[in-house]
Amino acid sequence: MALGSAIRRLLGPRLSRVAARWYRAIFVDLDKVADALAAVIPRDSHLLDVGGGDGEVLNHLLTRRPDVRVTTLDTAATVGRWLFSRFEAQVHRLPATSLAEYLGSGRSDPQVVLFADVMHHIPSASRADVLGCLSALLDRVTGLKIIVKDLEPGSWRARLGYWSDRYVTGDRNVRFISREDLVRLSEKELGPLRHEETGLFEQDAPNYAIVFYR
């Protein structure tokens, strides 16, 4: 069992949530992340949250954007366990579901796809396949936006995040991806794309968020 899982089990649901918020704040300011995301998501969008985890990012985002409808999925057995109850009607949860499975299921197409601190958990050799799943979606959804929030490697804060993911979370495959490499990989797998930075890096480096679209 990973150290993080053992600590959560020891503390119980309520205290582990408090501890997780304090611990996460070392690496990222979720208010700044939510501000950056809220500014680039079109009004009344359906957002597909890939690798949604515990749902804390959505809590911050939906506080700012009550117009957004969300489907959050994760390959784990649970997703969105810490989502605020007031957002339940806006969020459809799909645990044990991959991006490829969702896109092949005939469910409604999103206008926005979000990867929030997900890409660095995907093994480097598999990232092309994950992004490649979005090719057909880009073809059929006019104006689709793909937003990737991750960490630029190289700083002390990024190195601390790496050791946390590797030894506390227990992910031995963790590898951060630079903004330059992310743009290069996205264009290789999805063809010519436009992209823009959200300004998150200037506000909360090494965290960044880039929007891709055609």
N, C-alpha and C. Protein backbone atom coordinates (compact mmCIF):
# COMPACT_ATOMS: atom_id res chain seq x y z
N MET A 1 0.84 -1.20 0.00
CA MET A 1 0.00 0.00 0.00
C MET A 1 0.88 1.25 0.00
N ALA A 2 0.53 2.23 -0.85
CA ALA A 2 1.27 3.49 -0.91
C ALA A 2 1.14 4.23 0.41
N LEU A 3 2.16 5.03 0.72
CA LEU A 3 2.16 5.78 1.97
C LEU A 3 0.93 6.68 2.08
N GLY A 4 0.56 7.34 1.00
CA GLY A 4 -0.59 8.23 1.03
C GLY A 4 -1.88 7.50 1.38
N SER A 5 -2.07 6.32 0.81
CA SER A 5 -3.26 5.52 1.10
C SER A 5 -3.29 5.09 2.56
N ALA A 6 -2.13 4.71 3.09
CA ALA A 6 -2.05 4.30 4.50
C ALA A 6 -2.40 5.46 5.43
N ILE A 7 -1.92 6.65 5.09
CA ILE A 7 -2.21 7.82 5.92
C ILE A 7 -3.70 8.15 5.89
N ARG A 8 -4.31 8.09 4.71
CA ARG A 8 -5.75 8.36 4.60
C ARG A 8 -6.55 7.36 5.42
N ARG A 9 -6.15 6.12 5.37
CA ARG A 9 -6.87 5.09 6.14
C ARG A 9 -6.72 5.35 7.64
N LEU A 10 -5.55 5.78 8.06
CA LEU A 10 -5.30 6.05 9.47
C LEU A 10 -6.09 7.26 9.96
N LEU A 11 -6.15 8.32 9.15
CA LEU A 11 -6.81 9.55 9.57
C LEU A 11 -8.34 9.49 9.47
N GLY A 12 -8.84 8.68 8.55
CA GLY A 12 -10.28 8.64 8.34
C GLY A 12 -10.70 9.71 7.33
N PRO A 13 -11.94 9.66 6.81
CA PRO A 13 -12.38 10.53 5.73
C PRO A 13 -12.26 12.02 6.02
N ARG A 14 -12.72 12.47 7.20
CA ARG A 14 -12.77 13.90 7.47
C ARG A 14 -11.37 14.48 7.64
N LEU A 15 -10.55 13.87 8.49
CA LEU A 15 -9.21 14.40 8.74
C LEU A 15 -8.30 14.24 7.53
N SER A 16 -8.48 13.17 6.77
CA SER A 16 -7.63 12.98 5.60
C SER A 16 -7.91 14.05 4.55
N ARG A 17 -9.15 14.51 4.47
CA ARG A 17 -9.47 15.58 3.52
C ARG A 17 -8.81 16.89 3.94
N VAL A 18 -8.85 17.19 5.23
CA VAL A 18 -8.20 18.40 5.73
C VAL A 18 -6.69 18.32 5.48
N ALA A 19 -6.10 17.18 5.79
CA ALA A 19 -4.66 17.01 5.59
C ALA A 19 -4.29 17.10 4.11
N ALA A 20 -5.12 16.54 3.25
CA ALA A 20 -4.84 16.57 1.81
C ALA A 20 -4.86 17.99 1.27
N ARG A 21 -5.81 18.81 1.75
CA ARG A 21 -5.86 20.20 1.29
C ARG A 21 -4.60 20.96 1.70
N TRP A 22 -4.17 20.75 2.93
CA TRP A 22 -2.95 21.42 3.40
C TRP A 22 -1.75 20.95 2.60
N TYR A 23 -1.66 19.65 2.38
CA TYR A 23 -0.51 19.08 1.68
C TYR A 23 -0.48 19.53 0.22
N ARG A 24 -1.65 19.54 -0.44
CA ARG A 24 -1.72 19.93 -1.85
C ARG A 24 -1.32 21.39 -2.04
N ALA A 25 -1.63 22.22 -1.06
CA ALA A 25 -1.32 23.65 -1.16
C ALA A 25 0.17 23.92 -1.27
N ILE A 26 1.00 22.96 -0.86
CA ILE A 26 2.44 23.11 -1.01
C ILE A 26 2.81 23.16 -2.49
N PHE A 27 2.07 22.42 -3.31
CA PHE A 27 2.43 22.24 -4.70
C PHE A 27 1.61 23.08 -5.67
N VAL A 28 0.39 23.44 -5.29
CA VAL A 28 -0.48 24.15 -6.23
C VAL A 28 -1.51 24.98 -5.47
N ASP A 29 -1.84 26.14 -6.03
CA ASP A 29 -2.90 26.99 -5.50
C ASP A 29 -4.14 26.74 -6.36
N LEU A 30 -5.10 25.98 -5.84
CA LEU A 30 -6.26 25.60 -6.63
C LEU A 30 -7.16 26.79 -6.97
N ASP A 31 -7.12 27.84 -6.17
CA ASP A 31 -7.87 29.04 -6.54
C ASP A 31 -7.30 29.66 -7.81
N LYS A 32 -5.98 29.70 -7.93
CA LYS A 32 -5.36 30.24 -9.14
C LYS A 32 -5.59 29.33 -10.34
N VAL A 33 -5.57 28.03 -10.10
CA VAL A 33 -5.88 27.08 -11.17
C VAL A 33 -7.31 27.31 -11.66
N ALA A 34 -8.25 27.41 -10.74
CA ALA A 34 -9.65 27.59 -11.11
C ALA A 34 -9.88 28.90 -11.84
N ASP A 35 -9.20 29.96 -11.41
CA ASP A 35 -9.30 31.25 -12.11
C ASP A 35 -8.83 31.11 -13.55
N ALA A 36 -7.71 30.42 -13.74
CA ALA A 36 -7.16 30.24 -15.09
C ALA A 36 -8.10 29.42 -15.96
N LEU A 37 -8.65 28.34 -15.42
CA LEU A 37 -9.54 27.49 -16.19
C LEU A 37 -10.85 28.19 -16.50
N ALA A 38 -11.41 28.87 -15.51
CA ALA A 38 -12.71 29.52 -15.68
C ALA A 38 -12.67 30.57 -16.78
N ALA A 39 -11.51 31.17 -16.98
CA ALA A 39 -11.39 32.24 -17.97
C ALA A 39 -11.40 31.74 -19.41
N VAL A 40 -11.15 30.45 -19.63
CA VAL A 40 -11.02 29.95 -21.01
C VAL A 40 -12.10 28.92 -21.37
N ILE A 41 -12.96 28.57 -20.44
CA ILE A 41 -14.03 27.61 -20.72
C ILE A 41 -15.26 28.37 -21.24
N PRO A 42 -15.76 28.02 -22.42
CA PRO A 42 -16.93 28.74 -22.96
C PRO A 42 -18.16 28.57 -22.07
N ARG A 43 -19.04 29.53 -22.16
CA ARG A 43 -20.24 29.52 -21.32
C ARG A 43 -21.13 28.32 -21.68
N ASP A 44 -21.75 27.74 -20.64
CA ASP A 44 -22.71 26.64 -20.78
C ASP A 44 -22.09 25.40 -21.43
N SER A 45 -20.81 25.21 -21.22
CA SER A 45 -20.12 24.07 -21.82
C SER A 45 -20.39 22.77 -21.08
N HIS A 46 -20.24 21.68 -21.82
CA HIS A 46 -20.11 20.35 -21.23
C HIS A 46 -18.63 20.04 -21.16
N LEU A 47 -18.09 19.89 -19.97
CA LEU A 47 -16.67 19.65 -19.75
C LEU A 47 -16.45 18.20 -19.39
N LEU A 48 -15.53 17.55 -20.09
CA LEU A 48 -15.12 16.19 -19.76
C LEU A 48 -13.83 16.26 -18.97
N ASP A 49 -13.90 15.88 -17.70
CA ASP A 49 -12.78 15.95 -16.76
C ASP A 49 -12.12 14.57 -16.72
N VAL A 50 -10.98 14.46 -17.38
CA VAL A 50 -10.30 13.16 -17.52
C VAL A 50 -9.34 12.96 -16.34
N GLY A 51 -9.50 11.83 -15.65
CA GLY A 51 -8.67 11.56 -14.47
C GLY A 51 -9.05 12.48 -13.34
N GLY A 52 -10.35 12.55 -13.05
CA GLY A 52 -10.89 13.54 -12.13
C GLY A 52 -10.46 13.42 -10.68
N GLY A 53 -9.96 12.27 -10.27
CA GLY A 53 -9.45 12.12 -8.91
C GLY A 53 -10.50 12.41 -7.85
N ASP A 54 -10.13 13.20 -6.85
CA ASP A 54 -11.02 13.41 -5.71
C ASP A 54 -12.05 14.51 -5.91
N GLY A 55 -11.93 15.29 -6.99
CA GLY A 55 -12.95 16.29 -7.29
C GLY A 55 -12.68 17.68 -6.74
N GLU A 56 -11.54 17.88 -6.08
CA GLU A 56 -11.27 19.19 -5.49
C GLU A 56 -11.10 20.28 -6.54
N VAL A 57 -10.50 19.96 -7.67
CA VAL A 57 -10.38 20.96 -8.74
C VAL A 57 -11.76 21.42 -9.19
N LEU A 58 -12.69 20.48 -9.31
CA LEU A 58 -14.05 20.84 -9.72
C LEU A 58 -14.74 21.71 -8.68
N ASN A 59 -14.50 21.47 -7.41
CA ASN A 59 -15.10 22.31 -6.37
C ASN A 59 -14.73 23.78 -6.58
N HIS A 60 -13.47 24.01 -6.87
CA HIS A 60 -13.00 25.38 -7.08
C HIS A 60 -13.51 25.94 -8.40
N LEU A 61 -13.52 25.12 -9.44
CA LEU A 61 -13.97 25.59 -10.75
C LEU A 61 -15.46 25.91 -10.76
N LEU A 62 -16.28 25.01 -10.25
CA LEU A 62 -17.73 25.20 -10.32
C LEU A 62 -18.22 26.31 -9.41
N THR A 63 -17.45 26.64 -8.38
CA THR A 63 -17.78 27.81 -7.57
C THR A 63 -17.75 29.07 -8.44
N ARG A 64 -16.85 29.08 -9.41
CA ARG A 64 -16.72 30.23 -10.31
C ARG A 64 -17.60 30.11 -11.54
N ARG A 65 -17.89 28.89 -11.95
CA ARG A 65 -18.61 28.67 -13.20
C ARG A 65 -19.81 27.75 -13.00
N PRO A 66 -20.88 28.26 -12.38
CA PRO A 66 -22.07 27.43 -12.14
C PRO A 66 -22.80 27.05 -13.42
N ASP A 67 -22.43 27.64 -14.55
CA ASP A 67 -23.07 27.33 -15.83
C ASP A 67 -22.52 26.07 -16.48
N VAL A 68 -21.38 25.58 -16.00
CA VAL A 68 -20.70 24.46 -16.65
C VAL A 68 -21.27 23.13 -16.18
N ARG A 69 -21.48 22.22 -17.13
CA ARG A 69 -21.91 20.85 -16.83
C ARG A 69 -20.71 19.93 -17.02
N VAL A 70 -20.50 18.99 -16.09
CA VAL A 70 -19.26 18.21 -16.06
C VAL A 70 -19.56 16.71 -16.08
N THR A 71 -18.78 15.99 -16.86
CA THR A 71 -18.65 14.55 -16.71
C THR A 71 -17.22 14.29 -16.25
N THR A 72 -17.07 13.68 -15.08
CA THR A 72 -15.74 13.39 -14.57
C THR A 72 -15.52 11.88 -14.56
N LEU A 73 -14.41 11.46 -15.12
CA LEU A 73 -14.12 10.02 -15.20
C LEU A 73 -12.72 9.74 -14.68
N ASP A 74 -12.54 8.50 -14.27
CA ASP A 74 -11.23 8.06 -13.79
C ASP A 74 -11.15 6.55 -13.94
N THR A 75 -9.96 6.05 -14.19
CA THR A 75 -9.80 4.60 -14.28
C THR A 75 -9.83 3.95 -12.91
N ALA A 76 -9.72 4.74 -11.84
CA ALA A 76 -9.82 4.22 -10.48
C ALA A 76 -11.26 3.83 -10.16
N ALA A 77 -11.41 3.10 -9.06
CA ALA A 77 -12.73 2.58 -8.69
C ALA A 77 -13.66 3.68 -8.16
N THR A 78 -13.12 4.82 -7.78
CA THR A 78 -13.94 5.94 -7.32
C THR A 78 -13.45 7.21 -8.00
N VAL A 79 -14.35 8.17 -8.13
CA VAL A 79 -13.99 9.48 -8.67
C VAL A 79 -14.89 10.53 -8.03
N GLY A 80 -14.31 11.67 -7.71
CA GLY A 80 -15.10 12.77 -7.16
C GLY A 80 -15.58 12.55 -5.74
N ARG A 81 -14.83 11.82 -4.94
CA ARG A 81 -15.32 11.48 -3.60
C ARG A 81 -15.42 12.71 -2.70
N TRP A 82 -14.70 13.78 -3.01
CA TRP A 82 -14.74 14.99 -2.19
C TRP A 82 -15.51 16.13 -2.86
N LEU A 83 -16.27 15.80 -3.88
CA LEU A 83 -17.07 16.82 -4.55
C LEU A 83 -18.12 17.36 -3.59
N PHE A 84 -18.27 18.70 -3.54
CA PHE A 84 -19.27 19.32 -2.68
C PHE A 84 -20.67 18.86 -3.10
N SER A 85 -21.51 18.63 -2.12
CA SER A 85 -22.86 18.13 -2.39
C SER A 85 -23.66 19.10 -3.25
N ARG A 86 -23.39 20.40 -3.15
CA ARG A 86 -24.17 21.37 -3.93
C ARG A 86 -23.88 21.28 -5.43
N PHE A 87 -22.83 20.55 -5.81
CA PHE A 87 -22.51 20.41 -7.22
C PHE A 87 -22.96 19.07 -7.80
N GLU A 88 -23.60 18.24 -7.00
CA GLU A 88 -23.97 16.90 -7.44
C GLU A 88 -24.80 16.93 -8.73
N ALA A 89 -25.72 17.88 -8.83
CA ALA A 89 -26.62 17.93 -9.99
C ALA A 89 -25.87 18.33 -11.27
N GLN A 90 -24.71 18.97 -11.13
CA GLN A 90 -23.94 19.43 -12.29
C GLN A 90 -22.93 18.41 -12.77
N VAL A 91 -22.64 17.42 -11.97
CA VAL A 91 -21.52 16.52 -12.25
C VAL A 91 -22.00 15.08 -12.36
N HIS A 92 -21.66 14.45 -13.48
CA HIS A 92 -21.91 13.02 -13.66
C HIS A 92 -20.59 12.28 -13.50
N ARG A 93 -20.55 11.33 -12.57
CA ARG A 93 -19.31 10.62 -12.25
C ARG A 93 -19.26 9.26 -12.94
N LEU A 94 -18.09 8.96 -13.52
CA LEU A 94 -17.88 7.67 -14.19
C LEU A 94 -16.58 7.04 -13.68
N PRO A 95 -16.64 6.30 -12.59
CA PRO A 95 -15.44 5.60 -12.12
C PRO A 95 -15.13 4.42 -13.04
N ALA A 96 -13.89 3.92 -12.93
CA ALA A 96 -13.44 2.75 -13.69
C ALA A 96 -13.72 2.92 -15.18
N THR A 97 -13.46 4.11 -15.69
CA THR A 97 -13.72 4.42 -17.09
C THR A 97 -12.55 5.19 -17.67
N SER A 98 -12.05 4.75 -18.82
CA SER A 98 -10.95 5.44 -19.49
C SER A 98 -11.52 6.43 -20.51
N LEU A 99 -10.65 7.31 -20.97
CA LEU A 99 -11.05 8.27 -22.00
C LEU A 99 -11.50 7.54 -23.26
N ALA A 100 -10.76 6.53 -23.68
CA ALA A 100 -11.12 5.78 -24.88
C ALA A 100 -12.49 5.11 -24.72
N GLU A 101 -12.76 4.58 -23.54
CA GLU A 101 -14.05 3.93 -23.30
C GLU A 101 -15.19 4.95 -23.37
N TYR A 102 -14.96 6.13 -22.80
CA TYR A 102 -16.00 7.16 -22.85
C TYR A 102 -16.29 7.57 -24.30
N LEU A 103 -15.25 7.84 -25.05
CA LEU A 103 -15.42 8.31 -26.41
C LEU A 103 -16.04 7.26 -27.31
N GLY A 104 -15.85 5.99 -26.97
CA GLY A 104 -16.43 4.92 -27.76
C GLY A 104 -17.80 4.46 -27.29
N SER A 105 -18.33 5.12 -26.26
CA SER A 105 -19.58 4.66 -25.65
C SER A 105 -20.84 5.27 -26.25
N GLY A 106 -20.68 6.28 -27.09
CA GLY A 106 -21.85 6.94 -27.65
C GLY A 106 -22.44 8.01 -26.75
N ARG A 107 -21.78 8.31 -25.63
CA ARG A 107 -22.26 9.38 -24.76
C ARG A 107 -22.05 10.74 -25.43
N SER A 108 -22.66 11.76 -24.84
CA SER A 108 -22.64 13.08 -25.46
C SER A 108 -21.23 13.64 -25.55
N ASP A 109 -20.96 14.32 -26.65
CA ASP A 109 -19.64 14.92 -26.84
C ASP A 109 -19.48 16.16 -25.97
N PRO A 110 -18.30 16.33 -25.39
CA PRO A 110 -18.02 17.55 -24.62
C PRO A 110 -17.57 18.68 -25.55
N GLN A 111 -17.66 19.89 -25.03
CA GLN A 111 -17.06 21.04 -25.74
C GLN A 111 -15.66 21.35 -25.22
N VAL A 112 -15.36 20.81 -24.03
CA VAL A 112 -14.06 21.03 -23.40
C VAL A 112 -13.58 19.71 -22.80
N VAL A 113 -12.30 19.39 -23.01
CA VAL A 113 -11.69 18.23 -22.37
C VAL A 113 -10.57 18.75 -21.46
N LEU A 114 -10.61 18.35 -20.20
CA LEU A 114 -9.64 18.82 -19.21
C LEU A 114 -8.79 17.67 -18.69
N PHE A 115 -7.48 17.85 -18.72
CA PHE A 115 -6.53 16.96 -18.06
C PHE A 115 -5.87 17.78 -16.96
N ALA A 116 -6.29 17.64 -15.73
CA ALA A 116 -5.74 18.42 -14.62
C ALA A 116 -4.82 17.54 -13.78
N ASP A 117 -3.52 17.77 -13.91
CA ASP A 117 -2.50 16.99 -13.21
C ASP A 117 -2.65 15.49 -13.49
N VAL A 118 -2.90 15.19 -14.76
CA VAL A 118 -3.08 13.81 -15.20
C VAL A 118 -1.93 13.36 -16.09
N MET A 119 -1.49 14.26 -16.99
CA MET A 119 -0.52 13.85 -18.00
C MET A 119 0.75 13.28 -17.38
N HIS A 120 1.21 13.85 -16.25
CA HIS A 120 2.47 13.34 -15.69
C HIS A 120 2.31 11.98 -15.01
N HIS A 121 1.07 11.54 -14.83
CA HIS A 121 0.85 10.19 -14.30
C HIS A 121 0.70 9.14 -15.40
N ILE A 122 0.57 9.59 -16.64
CA ILE A 122 0.47 8.66 -17.76
C ILE A 122 1.88 8.28 -18.19
N PRO A 123 2.22 6.99 -18.26
CA PRO A 123 3.57 6.61 -18.70
C PRO A 123 3.91 7.29 -20.03
N SER A 124 5.13 7.73 -20.16
CA SER A 124 5.54 8.49 -21.35
C SER A 124 5.19 7.79 -22.65
N ALA A 125 5.33 6.46 -22.67
CA ALA A 125 5.07 5.70 -23.90
C ALA A 125 3.58 5.64 -24.24
N SER A 126 2.72 5.97 -23.28
CA SER A 126 1.27 5.87 -23.50
C SER A 126 0.61 7.22 -23.78
N ARG A 127 1.35 8.31 -23.64
CA ARG A 127 0.73 9.63 -23.79
C ARG A 127 0.23 9.87 -25.20
N ALA A 128 0.96 9.38 -26.19
CA ALA A 128 0.52 9.56 -27.57
C ALA A 128 -0.82 8.88 -27.81
N ASP A 129 -1.00 7.70 -27.26
CA ASP A 129 -2.26 6.98 -27.44
C ASP A 129 -3.42 7.73 -26.78
N VAL A 130 -3.18 8.28 -25.59
CA VAL A 130 -4.24 9.01 -24.89
C VAL A 130 -4.65 10.24 -25.68
N LEU A 131 -3.67 11.02 -26.11
CA LEU A 131 -4.00 12.20 -26.90
C LEU A 131 -4.62 11.82 -28.24
N GLY A 132 -4.14 10.74 -28.83
CA GLY A 132 -4.68 10.31 -30.12
C GLY A 132 -6.15 9.98 -30.08
N CYS A 133 -6.66 9.61 -28.90
CA CYS A 133 -8.09 9.33 -28.76
C CYS A 133 -8.94 10.54 -29.12
N LEU A 134 -8.37 11.73 -29.02
CA LEU A 134 -9.13 12.96 -29.21
C LEU A 134 -9.21 13.39 -30.67
N SER A 135 -8.51 12.69 -31.56
CA SER A 135 -8.47 13.11 -32.96
C SER A 135 -9.87 13.16 -33.58
N ALA A 136 -10.64 12.09 -33.42
CA ALA A 136 -11.98 12.05 -34.01
C ALA A 136 -12.90 13.08 -33.35
N LEU A 137 -12.70 13.31 -32.05
CA LEU A 137 -13.52 14.30 -31.35
C LEU A 137 -13.24 15.71 -31.89
N LEU A 138 -11.99 16.01 -32.17
CA LEU A 138 -11.65 17.30 -32.76
C LEU A 138 -12.32 17.47 -34.12
N ASP A 139 -12.45 16.38 -34.86
CA ASP A 139 -13.07 16.45 -36.19
C ASP A 139 -14.56 16.74 -36.11
N ARG A 140 -15.22 16.21 -35.09
CA ARG A 140 -16.68 16.34 -35.07
C ARG A 140 -17.23 17.43 -34.15
N VAL A 141 -16.40 17.96 -33.26
CA VAL A 141 -16.86 19.01 -32.35
C VAL A 141 -16.20 20.33 -32.73
N THR A 142 -16.94 21.19 -33.37
CA THR A 142 -16.41 22.49 -33.77
C THR A 142 -16.06 23.31 -32.54
N GLY A 143 -14.86 23.83 -32.53
CA GLY A 143 -14.43 24.68 -31.41
C GLY A 143 -14.02 23.94 -30.16
N LEU A 144 -13.82 22.62 -30.26
CA LEU A 144 -13.40 21.85 -29.09
C LEU A 144 -12.13 22.44 -28.48
N LYS A 145 -12.12 22.55 -27.15
CA LYS A 145 -10.94 23.00 -26.43
C LYS A 145 -10.40 21.86 -25.58
N ILE A 146 -9.10 21.66 -25.66
CA ILE A 146 -8.40 20.68 -24.84
C ILE A 146 -7.49 21.45 -23.90
N ILE A 147 -7.71 21.31 -22.60
CA ILE A 147 -6.93 22.05 -21.62
C ILE A 147 -6.08 21.07 -20.83
N VAL A 148 -4.79 21.32 -20.80
CA VAL A 148 -3.87 20.47 -20.04
C VAL A 148 -3.24 21.32 -18.94
N LYS A 149 -3.49 20.94 -17.70
CA LYS A 149 -2.85 21.57 -16.55
C LYS A 149 -1.81 20.60 -16.01
N ASP A 150 -0.56 21.06 -15.91
CA ASP A 150 0.50 20.18 -15.41
C ASP A 150 1.60 21.02 -14.79
N LEU A 151 2.77 20.42 -14.57
CA LEU A 151 3.89 21.11 -13.93
C LEU A 151 5.11 21.10 -14.84
N GLU A 152 5.71 22.26 -15.00
CA GLU A 152 6.96 22.38 -15.74
C GLU A 152 8.09 21.80 -14.88
N PRO A 153 8.86 20.85 -15.40
CA PRO A 153 9.95 20.27 -14.60
C PRO A 153 11.11 21.25 -14.42
N GLY A 154 11.92 20.98 -13.40
CA GLY A 154 13.17 21.72 -13.23
C GLY A 154 13.30 22.53 -11.96
N SER A 155 12.20 23.01 -11.39
CA SER A 155 12.28 23.84 -10.19
C SER A 155 12.27 22.98 -8.94
N TRP A 156 12.61 23.59 -7.80
CA TRP A 156 12.58 22.85 -6.54
C TRP A 156 11.16 22.37 -6.23
N ARG A 157 10.17 23.19 -6.57
CA ARG A 157 8.78 22.82 -6.28
C ARG A 157 8.35 21.63 -7.14
N ALA A 158 8.78 21.61 -8.39
CA ALA A 158 8.49 20.48 -9.26
C ALA A 158 9.19 19.22 -8.77
N ARG A 159 10.43 19.36 -8.34
CA ARG A 159 11.15 18.19 -7.81
C ARG A 159 10.48 17.65 -6.56
N LEU A 160 10.01 18.55 -5.70
CA LEU A 160 9.29 18.11 -4.51
C LEU A 160 8.00 17.39 -4.88
N GLY A 161 7.31 17.91 -5.91
CA GLY A 161 6.10 17.25 -6.39
C GLY A 161 6.38 15.87 -6.96
N TYR A 162 7.51 15.75 -7.65
CA TYR A 162 7.90 14.45 -8.20
C TYR A 162 8.11 13.43 -7.09
N TRP A 163 8.85 13.81 -6.05
CA TRP A 163 9.10 12.87 -4.96
C TRP A 163 7.82 12.54 -4.21
N SER A 164 6.93 13.50 -4.12
CA SER A 164 5.65 13.24 -3.47
C SER A 164 4.84 12.22 -4.26
N ASP A 165 4.74 12.43 -5.58
CA ASP A 165 3.97 11.49 -6.41
C ASP A 165 4.60 10.10 -6.40
N ARG A 166 5.91 10.07 -6.38
CA ARG A 166 6.60 8.77 -6.46
C ARG A 166 6.51 7.99 -5.15
N TYR A 167 6.70 8.68 -4.02
CA TYR A 167 6.82 7.95 -2.77
C TYR A 167 5.63 8.09 -1.83
N VAL A 168 4.86 9.17 -1.96
CA VAL A 168 3.65 9.29 -1.14
C VAL A 168 2.44 8.73 -1.88
N THR A 169 2.26 9.19 -3.12
CA THR A 169 1.16 8.65 -3.93
C THR A 169 1.46 7.23 -4.37
N GLY A 170 2.72 6.94 -4.60
CA GLY A 170 3.12 5.59 -4.99
C GLY A 170 3.16 5.35 -6.48
N ASP A 171 3.25 6.42 -7.28
CA ASP A 171 3.29 6.29 -8.74
C ASP A 171 4.74 6.24 -9.20
N ARG A 172 5.21 5.06 -9.55
CA ARG A 172 6.61 4.90 -9.97
C ARG A 172 6.82 5.32 -11.43
N ASN A 173 5.74 5.64 -12.16
CA ASN A 173 5.87 6.05 -13.55
C ASN A 173 5.81 7.56 -13.74
N VAL A 174 5.70 8.32 -12.65
CA VAL A 174 5.49 9.75 -12.77
C VAL A 174 6.65 10.42 -13.53
N ARG A 175 6.28 11.26 -14.51
CA ARG A 175 7.24 12.04 -15.28
C ARG A 175 6.55 13.34 -15.69
N PHE A 176 7.06 14.48 -15.22
CA PHE A 176 6.48 15.75 -15.63
C PHE A 176 6.85 16.03 -17.09
N ILE A 177 5.98 16.77 -17.76
CA ILE A 177 6.19 17.10 -19.17
C ILE A 177 6.25 18.62 -19.31
N SER A 178 7.26 19.10 -19.98
CA SER A 178 7.42 20.55 -20.14
C SER A 178 6.36 21.08 -21.10
N ARG A 179 6.16 22.38 -21.06
CA ARG A 179 5.21 23.01 -21.97
C ARG A 179 5.63 22.81 -23.42
N GLU A 180 6.90 22.95 -23.68
CA GLU A 180 7.41 22.77 -25.05
C GLU A 180 7.17 21.35 -25.54
N ASP A 181 7.47 20.36 -24.70
CA ASP A 181 7.28 18.97 -25.11
C ASP A 181 5.79 18.63 -25.26
N LEU A 182 4.94 19.23 -24.42
CA LEU A 182 3.50 18.99 -24.53
C LEU A 182 2.96 19.52 -25.85
N VAL A 183 3.37 20.71 -26.23
CA VAL A 183 2.93 21.28 -27.51
C VAL A 183 3.40 20.42 -28.66
N ARG A 184 4.66 20.00 -28.61
CA ARG A 184 5.21 19.17 -29.68
C ARG A 184 4.45 17.84 -29.80
N LEU A 185 4.18 17.19 -28.66
CA LEU A 185 3.48 15.92 -28.68
C LEU A 185 2.04 16.08 -29.17
N SER A 186 1.36 17.12 -28.72
CA SER A 186 -0.04 17.34 -29.11
C SER A 186 -0.16 17.56 -30.61
N GLU A 187 0.75 18.34 -31.18
CA GLU A 187 0.69 18.60 -32.61
C GLU A 187 1.08 17.37 -33.42
N LYS A 188 1.96 16.56 -32.88
CA LYS A 188 2.34 15.32 -33.57
C LYS A 188 1.16 14.36 -33.64
N GLU A 189 0.39 14.25 -32.55
CA GLU A 189 -0.69 13.28 -32.50
C GLU A 189 -2.01 13.80 -33.06
N LEU A 190 -2.22 15.12 -33.02
CA LEU A 190 -3.53 15.67 -33.38
C LEU A 190 -3.48 16.59 -34.58
N GLY A 191 -2.30 16.74 -35.19
CA GLY A 191 -2.19 17.61 -36.35
C GLY A 191 -2.02 19.06 -35.93
N PRO A 192 -2.02 19.96 -36.90
CA PRO A 192 -1.82 21.37 -36.58
C PRO A 192 -2.86 21.89 -35.59
N LEU A 193 -2.39 22.50 -34.52
CA LEU A 193 -3.26 23.04 -33.48
C LEU A 193 -2.80 24.45 -33.14
N ARG A 194 -3.75 25.25 -32.73
CA ARG A 194 -3.40 26.51 -32.09
C ARG A 194 -3.37 26.26 -30.58
N HIS A 195 -2.57 27.04 -29.90
CA HIS A 195 -2.53 26.87 -28.45
C HIS A 195 -2.26 28.21 -27.79
N GLU A 196 -2.69 28.33 -26.56
CA GLU A 196 -2.42 29.55 -25.81
C GLU A 196 -2.24 29.21 -24.33
N GLU A 197 -1.37 29.94 -23.69
CA GLU A 197 -1.17 29.78 -22.25
C GLU A 197 -2.25 30.57 -21.51
N THR A 198 -2.61 30.11 -20.34
CA THR A 198 -3.64 30.77 -19.56
C THR A 198 -3.09 31.83 -18.62
N GLY A 199 -1.79 31.87 -18.42
CA GLY A 199 -1.21 32.78 -17.45
C GLY A 199 -0.98 32.15 -16.09
N LEU A 200 -1.39 30.87 -15.94
CA LEU A 200 -1.20 30.21 -14.66
C LEU A 200 0.27 30.12 -14.28
N PHE A 201 1.13 29.88 -15.25
CA PHE A 201 2.55 29.72 -14.94
C PHE A 201 3.10 30.98 -14.28
N GLU A 202 2.68 32.14 -14.75
CA GLU A 202 3.15 33.39 -14.16
C GLU A 202 2.59 33.59 -12.75
N GLN A 203 1.43 33.02 -12.49
CA GLN A 203 0.79 33.19 -11.19
C GLN A 203 1.22 32.15 -10.16
N ASP A 204 1.55 30.92 -10.63
CA ASP A 204 1.78 29.83 -9.67
C ASP A 204 2.76 28.80 -10.24
N ALA A 205 3.89 29.28 -10.76
CA ALA A 205 4.89 28.35 -11.29
C ALA A 205 5.32 27.35 -10.21
N PRO A 206 5.60 26.09 -10.64
CA PRO A 206 5.74 25.58 -12.00
C PRO A 206 4.44 25.07 -12.61
N ASN A 207 3.30 25.34 -11.98
CA ASN A 207 2.02 24.93 -12.56
C ASN A 207 1.73 25.74 -13.82
N TYR A 208 1.23 25.04 -14.83
CA TYR A 208 0.84 25.73 -16.06
C TYR A 208 -0.46 25.11 -16.58
N ALA A 209 -1.13 25.86 -17.44
CA ALA A 209 -2.32 25.35 -18.11
C ALA A 209 -2.31 25.89 -19.53
N ILE A 210 -2.39 24.99 -20.50
CA ILE A 210 -2.37 25.36 -21.91
C ILE A 210 -3.66 24.89 -22.56
N VAL A 211 -4.23 25.75 -23.41
CA VAL A 211 -5.45 25.43 -24.15
C VAL A 211 -5.06 25.13 -25.59
N PHE A 212 -5.55 24.00 -26.10
CA PHE A 212 -5.33 23.61 -27.49
C PHE A 212 -6.66 23.63 -28.24
N TYR A 213 -6.63 24.07 -29.48
CA TYR A 213 -7.84 24.09 -30.31
C TYR A 213 -7.43 24.25 -31.77
N ARG A 214 -8.39 23.97 -32.67
CA ARG A 214 -8.11 24.12 -34.09
C ARG A 214 -8.60 25.48 -34.58
